[in-house]
Amino acid sequence: MQPPKRTDEEGPRFPTDCAFVVQFQGKHSDHRRPGRVEHLASGRAARFENAHQFWDFVSAVLSELEKDPASGEHGARICRTDQ
């Protein structure tokens, strides 16, 4: 079943500009969860050893979209968490 499409001017509710894929490598004894994160729209990827490194990468990618909304499929205006 297909999700309902949005017909308003904002575009899709969850655009790929703001989508990331996260793969964890498993839990380590010290409660770290290393893994890999990839931004779907740009293909940029990074490995991380902890949550701080993960969020640094996500923040950097989203900051770039905010600086240059034309670089994203729908612009950074919809990469908000309050929707």
C-alpha atoms as a PDB file:
ATOM      1  CA  MET A   1       0.000   0.000   0.000  1.00  0.00           C
ATOM      2  CA  GLN A   2       1.313   3.450  -0.954  1.00  0.00           C
ATOM      3  CA  PRO A   3       1.324   6.264   1.636  1.00  0.00           C
ATOM      4  CA  PRO A   4      -0.941   9.208   0.784  1.00  0.00           C
ATOM      5  CA  LYS A   5       0.777  11.888  -1.266  1.00  0.00           C
ATOM      6  CA  ARG A   6       0.897  15.458  -0.064  1.00  0.00           C
ATOM      7  CA  THR A   7      -0.681  17.930  -2.387  1.00  0.00           C
ATOM      8  CA  ASP A   8       0.417  21.137  -0.675  1.00  0.00           C
ATOM      9  CA  GLU A   9       3.339  23.308  -1.766  1.00  0.00           C
ATOM     10  CA  GLU A  10       5.711  21.942   0.888  1.00  0.00           C
ATOM     11  CA  GLY A  11       6.524  18.765  -0.991  1.00  0.00           C
ATOM     12  CA  PRO A  12       6.857  15.329   0.599  1.00  0.00           C
ATOM     13  CA  ARG A  13       6.633  15.027   4.372  1.00  0.00           C
ATOM     14  CA  PHE A  14       9.954  13.163   4.581  1.00  0.00           C
ATOM     15  CA  PRO A  15      12.099  14.248   1.624  1.00  0.00           C
ATOM     16  CA  THR A  16      15.275  12.340   0.822  1.00  0.00           C
ATOM     17  CA  ASP A  17      17.261  15.541   1.378  1.00  0.00           C
ATOM     18  CA  CYS A  18      16.769  14.957   5.087  1.00  0.00           C
ATOM     19  CA  ALA A  19      17.025  11.154   5.078  1.00  0.00           C
ATOM     20  CA  PHE A  20      19.921   9.124   6.420  1.00  0.00           C
ATOM     21  CA  VAL A  21      20.589   5.399   6.558  1.00  0.00           C
ATOM     22  CA  VAL A  22      22.322   4.152   9.698  1.00  0.00           C
ATOM     23  CA  GLN A  23      23.955   0.759  10.060  1.00  0.00           C
ATOM     24  CA  PHE A  24      25.269  -0.366  13.434  1.00  0.00           C
ATOM     25  CA  GLN A  25      28.102  -2.869  13.804  1.00  0.00           C
ATOM     26  CA  GLY A  26      26.852  -4.307  17.068  1.00  0.00           C
ATOM     27  CA  LYS A  27      27.126  -3.468  20.721  1.00  0.00           C
ATOM     28  CA  HIS A  28      30.564  -3.313  22.279  1.00  0.00           C
ATOM     29  CA  SER A  29      31.329  -4.113  25.889  1.00  0.00           C
ATOM     30  CA  ASP A  30      31.668  -0.431  26.782  1.00  0.00           C
ATOM     31  CA  HIS A  31      28.157   0.353  25.414  1.00  0.00           C
ATOM     32  CA  ARG A  32      29.459   2.027  22.268  1.00  0.00           C
ATOM     33  CA  ARG A  33      27.562   1.372  19.062  1.00  0.00           C
ATOM     34  CA  PRO A  34      29.915   2.036  16.160  1.00  0.00           C
ATOM     35  CA  GLY A  35      28.601   2.022  12.647  1.00  0.00           C
ATOM     36  CA  ARG A  36      28.149   3.863   9.389  1.00  0.00           C
ATOM     37  CA  VAL A  37      25.769   6.645   8.348  1.00  0.00           C
ATOM     38  CA  GLU A  38      24.934   7.730   4.796  1.00  0.00           C
ATOM     39  CA  HIS A  39      23.003  10.747   3.537  1.00  0.00           C
ATOM     40  CA  LEU A  40      20.603   9.429   0.883  1.00  0.00           C
ATOM     41  CA  ALA A  41      20.455  12.470  -1.406  1.00  0.00           C
ATOM     42  CA  SER A  42      24.200  13.178  -1.618  1.00  0.00           C
ATOM     43  CA  GLY A  43      25.680   9.751  -0.996  1.00  0.00           C
ATOM     44  CA  ARG A  44      28.055  11.232   1.593  1.00  0.00           C
ATOM     45  CA  ALA A  45      28.924   8.667   4.213  1.00  0.00           C
ATOM     46  CA  ALA A  46      30.959   8.395   7.383  1.00  0.00           C
ATOM     47  CA  ARG A  47      31.888   5.803   9.948  1.00  0.00           C
ATOM     48  CA  PHE A  48      31.349   6.634  13.599  1.00  0.00           C
ATOM     49  CA  GLU A  49      32.517   5.182  16.889  1.00  0.00           C
ATOM     50  CA  ASN A  50      30.034   6.948  19.146  1.00  0.00           C
ATOM     51  CA  ALA A  51      26.878   9.052  19.159  1.00  0.00           C
ATOM     52  CA  HIS A  52      28.878  12.286  19.191  1.00  0.00           C
ATOM     53  CA  GLN A  53      30.588  11.430  15.877  1.00  0.00           C
ATOM     54  CA  PHE A  54      27.266  10.316  14.394  1.00  0.00           C
ATOM     55  CA  TRP A  55      25.509  13.579  15.268  1.00  0.00           C
ATOM     56  CA  ASP A  56      28.497  15.646  14.102  1.00  0.00           C
ATOM     57  CA  PHE A  57      28.152  14.125  10.632  1.00  0.00           C
ATOM     58  CA  VAL A  58      24.373  14.554  10.463  1.00  0.00           C
ATOM     59  CA  SER A  59      24.642  18.158  11.675  1.00  0.00           C
ATOM     60  CA  ALA A  60      27.345  18.964   9.124  1.00  0.00           C
ATOM     61  CA  VAL A  61      25.274  17.616   6.222  1.00  0.00           C
ATOM     62  CA  LEU A  62      22.133  19.451   7.326  1.00  0.00           C
ATOM     63  CA  SER A  63      24.114  22.664   7.874  1.00  0.00           C
ATOM     64  CA  GLU A  64      25.350  22.468   4.294  1.00  0.00           C
ATOM     65  CA  LEU A  65      21.745  22.162   3.104  1.00  0.00           C
ATOM     66  CA  GLU A  66      20.790  25.223   5.147  1.00  0.00           C
ATOM     67  CA  LYS A  67      23.627  27.238   3.583  1.00  0.00           C
ATOM     68  CA  ASP A  68      22.753  26.136   0.050  1.00  0.00           C
ATOM     69  CA  PRO A  69      19.084  25.081  -0.159  1.00  0.00           C
ATOM     70  CA  ALA A  70      19.408  24.721  -3.937  1.00  0.00           C
ATOM     71  CA  SER A  71      21.741  21.774  -3.374  1.00  0.00           C
ATOM     72  CA  GLY A  72      18.886  19.721  -1.973  1.00  0.00           C
ATOM     73  CA  GLU A  73      15.990  18.152  -3.801  1.00  0.00           C
ATOM     74  CA  HIS A  74      13.411  20.302  -2.011  1.00  0.00           C
ATOM     75  CA  GLY A  75      15.564  22.791  -0.104  1.00  0.00           C
ATOM     76  CA  ALA A  76      16.496  22.875   3.551  1.00  0.00           C
ATOM     77  CA  ARG A  77      13.248  24.572   4.536  1.00  0.00           C
ATOM     78  CA  ILE A  78      11.675  21.171   5.111  1.00  0.00           C
ATOM     79  CA  CYS A  79      14.518  19.563   7.051  1.00  0.00           C
ATOM     80  CA  ARG A  80      12.881  20.668  10.266  1.00  0.00           C
ATOM     81  CA  THR A  81      12.014  18.568  13.267  1.00  0.00           C
ATOM     82  CA  ASP A  82       8.867  20.494  14.194  1.00  0.00           C
ATOM     83  CA  GLN A  83       6.694  19.088  11.398  1.00  0.00           C
END
